[in-house]
Protein backbone atom coordinates (compact mmCIF):
# COMPACT_ATOMS: atom_id res chain seq x y z
CA MET A 1 -8.63 25.58 12.63
CA SER A 2 -9.20 26.19 16.35
CA ASP A 3 -6.72 25.16 19.00
CA SER A 4 -9.34 22.87 20.54
CA ASP A 5 -9.79 20.98 17.26
CA ALA A 6 -6.03 20.72 16.81
CA GLY A 7 -5.80 19.18 20.27
CA VAL A 8 -8.54 16.58 19.82
CA ILE A 9 -7.17 15.60 16.41
CA GLU A 10 -3.80 15.00 18.02
CA GLN A 11 -5.40 12.94 20.81
CA PHE A 12 -7.35 10.95 18.24
CA ALA A 13 -4.17 10.14 16.27
CA ASP A 14 -2.42 9.02 19.47
CA LEU A 15 -5.32 6.68 20.30
CA MET A 16 -5.34 5.22 16.79
CA TRP A 17 -1.62 4.53 17.03
CA LEU A 18 -1.85 2.95 20.47
CA GLU A 19 -4.96 0.85 19.81
CA ARG A 20 -4.60 -0.14 16.18
CA GLY A 21 -0.92 0.29 15.43
CA LEU A 22 -1.66 2.32 12.30
CA SER A 23 1.22 3.40 10.10
CA ALA A 24 2.50 6.96 10.07
CA ASN A 25 1.09 7.44 6.56
CA THR A 26 -2.41 6.32 7.61
CA LEU A 27 -2.37 8.52 10.69
CA GLN A 28 -1.24 11.47 8.61
CA ALA A 29 -4.11 10.88 6.17
CA TYR A 30 -6.64 10.84 9.04
CA GLN A 31 -5.23 14.04 10.48
CA THR A 32 -5.23 15.82 7.12
CA ASP A 33 -8.87 14.89 6.47
CA LEU A 34 -9.94 16.06 9.92
CA ARG A 35 -8.03 19.34 9.72
CA GLN A 36 -9.62 20.16 6.37
CA ALA A 37 -13.07 19.41 7.78
CA SER A 38 -12.32 21.54 10.85
CA VAL A 39 -11.25 24.51 8.73
CA TRP A 40 -14.43 24.36 6.63
CA LEU A 41 -16.70 23.96 9.65
CA GLY A 42 -15.08 26.92 11.36
CA LYS A 43 -15.31 29.23 8.36
CA ALA A 44 -18.69 28.17 6.95
CA ARG A 45 -20.63 27.25 10.08
CA GLY A 46 -18.74 28.74 12.99
CA ALA A 47 -18.53 25.23 14.41
CA SER A 48 -15.80 22.89 15.63
CA LEU A 49 -15.47 19.16 15.12
CA LEU A 50 -17.01 18.48 18.53
CA SER A 51 -19.84 21.01 18.19
CA ALA A 52 -20.83 20.19 14.60
CA GLY A 53 -24.19 18.57 13.94
CA ARG A 54 -25.41 16.27 11.18
CA SER A 55 -26.50 19.21 9.01
CA ASP A 56 -23.04 20.76 9.32
CA LEU A 57 -21.37 17.56 8.12
CA LEU A 58 -23.87 17.22 5.26
CA GLY A 59 -23.08 20.81 4.27
CA TYR A 60 -19.37 20.00 4.26
CA LEU A 61 -19.83 16.88 2.13
CA GLY A 62 -22.13 18.78 -0.22
CA GLU A 63 -19.48 21.45 -0.63
CA LEU A 64 -16.94 18.78 -1.57
CA ALA A 65 -19.29 17.37 -4.21
CA ALA A 66 -20.01 20.84 -5.61
CA ALA A 67 -16.27 21.45 -5.90
CA GLY A 68 -15.97 18.36 -8.11
CA MET A 69 -14.29 16.06 -5.60
CA SER A 70 -14.41 12.41 -6.64
CA VAL A 71 -16.83 10.02 -4.94
CA ARG A 72 -13.91 7.96 -3.69
CA THR A 73 -12.20 10.91 -2.01
CA SER A 74 -15.47 12.16 -0.48
CA SER A 75 -16.12 8.66 0.84
CA ARG A 76 -12.67 8.59 2.44
CA ARG A 77 -13.24 11.98 4.08
CA LEU A 78 -16.52 10.72 5.55
CA SER A 79 -14.81 7.54 6.72
CA SER A 80 -12.21 9.64 8.58
CA LEU A 81 -14.96 11.66 10.24
CA ARG A 82 -16.85 8.53 11.24
CA GLN A 83 -13.76 7.01 12.83
CA PHE A 84 -13.11 10.25 14.68
CA TYR A 85 -16.67 10.52 16.01
CA ARG A 86 -16.82 6.86 17.06
CA THR A 87 -13.66 7.43 19.06
CA ALA A 88 -14.95 10.73 20.46
CA LEU A 89 -18.17 9.06 21.59
CA ARG A 90 -16.28 6.23 23.29
CA GLU A 91 -13.88 8.62 25.01
CA GLY A 92 -16.73 10.80 26.27
CA TRP A 93 -15.77 13.88 24.24
CA LEU A 94 -19.37 14.12 23.00
CA LYS A 95 -22.69 12.37 23.60
CA VAL A 96 -24.09 12.09 20.07
CA ASP A 97 -22.33 10.97 16.90
CA PRO A 98 -23.31 13.48 14.17
CA SER A 99 -22.01 11.17 11.41
CA ALA A 100 -24.09 8.14 12.45
CA GLN A 101 -27.02 8.76 10.09
CA ILE A 102 -25.02 9.88 7.06
CA ASP A 103 -24.88 7.41 4.19
CA ALA A 104 -21.60 6.95 2.38
CA PRO A 105 -21.64 7.78 -1.34
CA LYS A 106 -21.89 4.72 -3.56
CA LEU A 107 -18.75 3.77 -5.41
CA GLY A 108 -17.60 0.81 -7.39
CA ARG A 109 -14.56 -1.11 -6.34
CA PRO A 110 -11.88 -0.71 -9.02
CA LEU A 111 -9.79 -3.66 -10.02
CA PRO A 112 -6.15 -3.28 -8.96
CA LYS A 113 -3.70 -2.57 -11.76
CA SER A 114 -1.58 -5.57 -12.65
CA LEU A 115 0.86 -6.79 -15.29
CA ILE A 116 0.67 -9.84 -17.51
CA GLU A 117 3.44 -12.35 -17.02
CA SER A 118 5.39 -11.27 -20.12
CA ASP A 119 5.41 -7.68 -18.83
CA VAL A 120 6.78 -8.87 -15.50
CA GLU A 121 9.53 -10.82 -17.25
CA ALA A 122 10.46 -7.73 -19.29
CA LEU A 123 10.56 -5.58 -16.15
CA LEU A 124 12.73 -8.10 -14.29
CA ASP A 125 15.15 -8.21 -17.22
CA ALA A 126 15.46 -4.42 -17.51
CA PRO A 127 18.17 -3.55 -14.90
CA ASP A 128 21.77 -3.36 -16.12
CA LEU A 129 23.50 -6.30 -14.45
CA GLY A 130 26.89 -4.81 -15.21
CA THR A 131 26.48 -2.38 -12.31
CA ALA A 132 26.01 -2.93 -8.58
CA GLU A 133 22.87 -0.78 -8.70
CA GLY A 134 21.44 -2.87 -11.52
CA LEU A 135 22.10 -6.13 -9.70
CA ARG A 136 20.51 -4.68 -6.56
CA ASP A 137 17.44 -3.55 -8.52
CA ARG A 138 17.09 -6.98 -10.14
CA ALA A 139 17.21 -8.66 -6.73
CA MET A 140 14.66 -6.19 -5.33
CA LEU A 141 12.25 -6.73 -8.22
CA GLU A 142 12.63 -10.48 -7.98
CA VAL A 143 11.95 -10.50 -4.23
CA LEU A 144 9.04 -8.06 -4.59
CA TYR A 145 7.36 -10.23 -7.21
CA ALA A 146 8.23 -13.60 -5.68
CA ALA A 147 6.99 -12.72 -2.19
CA GLY A 148 4.21 -10.24 -2.97
CA LEU A 149 5.62 -7.69 -0.53
CA ARG A 150 4.52 -4.12 -0.06
CA VAL A 151 7.25 -1.71 -1.16
CA SER A 152 7.58 -0.49 2.43
CA GLU A 153 8.13 -4.09 3.56
CA LEU A 154 10.77 -4.62 0.87
CA VAL A 155 12.87 -1.54 1.62
CA GLY A 156 12.45 -2.20 5.35
CA LEU A 157 13.89 -5.72 5.18
CA ALA A 158 16.79 -6.30 7.57
CA LEU A 159 19.45 -8.97 7.18
CA ASP A 160 18.16 -10.89 10.20
CA GLN A 161 14.74 -11.19 8.54
CA VAL A 162 16.13 -13.28 5.68
CA SER A 163 16.79 -17.00 6.05
CA GLN A 164 18.82 -18.08 3.04
CA SER A 165 18.98 -21.68 4.24
CA GLN A 166 15.18 -21.95 4.41
CA GLY A 167 14.50 -19.59 1.51
CA VAL A 168 12.04 -17.41 3.43
CA VAL A 169 11.73 -13.83 4.63
CA ARG A 170 10.13 -12.77 7.89
CA VAL A 171 8.04 -9.71 7.09
CA THR A 172 6.59 -7.16 9.50
CA GLY A 173 3.42 -5.87 7.89
CA LYS A 174 0.59 -3.53 8.85
CA GLY A 175 -0.19 -3.34 12.53
CA GLY A 176 3.16 -4.94 13.38
CA LYS A 177 1.93 -8.37 12.25
CA GLU A 178 4.65 -10.81 11.20
CA ARG A 179 4.43 -13.44 8.48
CA LEU A 180 6.86 -15.86 6.82
CA VAL A 181 6.90 -15.74 3.03
CA PRO A 182 8.81 -18.13 0.75
CA LEU A 183 11.07 -16.59 -1.88
CA GLY A 184 11.35 -19.37 -4.44
CA GLU A 185 14.58 -20.56 -6.03
CA GLU A 186 14.86 -17.79 -8.66
CA ALA A 187 14.42 -14.85 -6.28
CA LEU A 188 16.67 -16.48 -3.67
CA SER A 189 19.39 -16.96 -6.28
CA TRP A 190 19.27 -13.28 -7.30
CA LEU A 191 19.20 -12.16 -3.68
CA GLN A 192 22.27 -14.26 -2.83
CA ARG A 193 24.09 -12.95 -5.90
CA TYR A 194 23.34 -9.37 -4.83
CA LEU A 195 24.41 -9.97 -1.21
CA ARG A 196 27.64 -11.58 -2.35
CA ALA A 197 28.71 -9.19 -5.12
CA ALA A 198 26.79 -5.91 -5.20
CA ARG A 199 25.97 -5.06 -1.59
CA PRO A 200 29.61 -4.92 -0.39
CA GLU A 201 30.48 -2.66 -3.35
CA LEU A 202 27.58 -0.30 -2.61
CA LEU A 203 28.44 -0.07 1.09
CA GLU A 204 32.22 0.04 0.65
CA ARG A 205 33.30 0.21 4.31
CA ALA A 206 29.99 1.36 5.74
CA GLU A 207 27.77 -0.90 7.82
CA SER A 208 24.01 -1.30 7.58
CA ALA A 209 21.43 -3.74 8.89
CA ALA A 210 19.27 -3.18 5.79
CA VAL A 211 19.26 -5.77 3.04
CA PHE A 212 18.92 -3.28 0.18
CA VAL A 213 21.29 -0.32 0.36
CA THR A 214 22.58 2.60 -1.70
CA ARG A 215 26.06 4.00 -2.22
CA ARG A 216 25.36 6.48 0.55
CA GLY A 217 25.59 3.60 2.99
CA GLY A 218 21.96 3.65 4.06
CA PRO A 219 18.83 1.70 3.16
CA MET A 220 16.97 2.22 -0.09
CA THR A 221 13.93 4.48 0.37
CA ARG A 222 10.43 3.90 -0.98
CA GLN A 223 10.63 7.01 -3.13
CA ALA A 224 14.01 6.12 -4.62
CA PHE A 225 12.95 2.57 -5.41
CA TRP A 226 9.72 3.75 -6.98
CA TYR A 227 11.79 6.03 -9.23
CA ARG A 228 13.93 3.01 -10.18
CA ILE A 229 10.84 0.91 -11.00
CA ARG A 230 9.52 3.57 -13.37
CA LYS A 231 12.93 3.88 -15.00
CA HIS A 232 13.13 0.13 -15.61
CA ALA A 233 9.52 0.03 -16.85
CA ARG A 234 10.36 2.63 -19.50
CA ALA A 235 13.44 0.65 -20.50
CA ALA A 236 11.29 -2.48 -20.80
CA GLY A 237 8.81 -0.68 -23.05
CA ILE A 238 5.93 -1.03 -20.57
CA GLN A 239 3.37 1.66 -21.35
CA LYS A 240 0.88 0.76 -18.60
CA HIS A 241 0.53 3.01 -15.59
CA LEU A 242 2.37 1.43 -12.68
CA SER A 243 1.82 1.94 -8.97
CA PRO A 244 4.05 0.92 -6.06
CA HIS A 245 1.73 -2.06 -5.58
CA THR A 246 1.80 -3.26 -9.21
CA LEU A 247 4.10 -6.24 -8.65
CA ARG A 248 2.22 -7.17 -5.47
CA HIS A 249 -1.00 -7.21 -7.49
CA ALA A 250 0.74 -9.26 -10.21
CA PHE A 251 1.97 -11.73 -7.58
CA ALA A 252 -1.55 -12.36 -6.27
CA THR A 253 -3.22 -12.44 -9.70
CA HIS A 254 -0.69 -14.82 -11.22
CA LEU A 255 -0.91 -17.19 -8.25
CA LEU A 256 -4.69 -17.36 -8.64
CA ASN A 257 -4.43 -17.73 -12.42
CA HIS A 258 -2.25 -20.79 -11.83
CA GLY A 259 -4.66 -22.37 -9.38
CA ALA A 260 -3.54 -21.17 -5.94
CA ASP A 261 -6.06 -21.30 -3.11
CA LEU A 262 -7.46 -17.91 -2.11
CA ARG A 263 -6.70 -18.45 1.60
CA VAL A 264 -3.08 -19.26 0.81
CA VAL A 265 -2.80 -16.00 -1.14
CA GLN A 266 -4.41 -14.21 1.81
CA LEU A 267 -1.73 -15.54 4.16
CA LEU A 268 1.09 -14.66 1.77
CA LEU A 269 -0.18 -11.11 1.31
CA GLY A 270 -0.73 -10.63 5.03
CA HIS A 271 -4.40 -9.67 4.69
CA SER A 272 -6.33 -9.95 7.94
CA ASP A 273 -9.66 -10.24 6.10
CA LEU A 274 -10.33 -12.65 3.24
CA SER A 275 -12.64 -10.12 1.60
CA THR A 276 -9.61 -7.92 0.92
CA THR A 277 -7.98 -10.74 -1.01
CA GLN A 278 -11.13 -11.60 -2.95
CA ILE A 279 -10.68 -8.58 -5.21
CA TYR A 280 -7.95 -10.58 -6.96
CA THR A 281 -10.43 -13.28 -7.97
CA HIS A 282 -12.15 -10.59 -10.02
CA VAL A 283 -8.83 -9.70 -11.65
CA ALA A 284 -8.21 -13.34 -12.52
CA ARG A 285 -11.70 -13.73 -13.97
CA GLU A 286 -11.27 -10.54 -16.01
CA ARG A 287 -8.04 -11.92 -17.46
CA LEU A 288 -9.82 -15.15 -18.41
CA ARG A 289 -12.56 -13.16 -20.12
CA GLN A 290 -9.98 -11.21 -22.12
CA VAL A 291 -8.24 -14.42 -23.22
CA HIS A 292 -11.58 -15.96 -24.21
CA LYS A 293 -12.58 -12.88 -26.18
CA ALA A 294 -9.25 -12.73 -28.00
CA HIS A 295 -8.92 -16.42 -28.89
CA HIS A 296 -12.34 -18.06 -28.96
CA PRO A 297 -14.06 -18.06 -32.39
CA ARG A 298 -17.23 -16.76 -30.79
CA GLY A 299 -15.55 -14.54 -28.21
């Protein structure tokens, strides 16, 4: 990759952070996609990101398809290039957007993975409550499921974001947007039990602003908590593939299954666009179809 491409990619990432408040993970994904495109363009076409034409980009995408890359990944790579070229055009780095006339590959929208309610109950019951770590994990799972949080939002919770008297948490989501989410009596009870009994034991004499901590005296990390979720899922006998968003998906699906309004679920999840939330209506309908097929005499 040329030095010039490295520089414009860095400038692009800075602009995305300043203008859209994107997370570090999203910015890293953009940069990785653009660097890979830059390397291919340089080697195969002797071009840079700012000198590439439409045929160069089509050649790159064709190479990805020939290498067996999935439609979804190819579509994401094109999306990164489009965002880059829109920004480059606006900033005056180039005069023509070479990605403007390139159609995105068609792909279906997969339904998010979720758990049925009995699976959730089994997962919540899995931690060993005889240990401080087990009580912490139970409280984390309860809060995650009750509030529909992202895992990053859960591990990032600070003590001053929790109102025990009102039973709500103040969450900072994507783009720095804040929302208030109710916990419910069950999750609040487990959280209070953890704060009272397990958290002081885990911290010993250390101090931390984080709600969920480890024996090292610092906050729980996303990676460590994801390891704990998988461990508890195995203990609960759950064979389904889980993702860090599984309980968030279950939260939304179960609310809709029990009659919640879609716009309420949108607010609780922190989605800026209702169309993002609408995917869960498909999940709920799929669950109804499965129940009908299993129990109706003509299913």
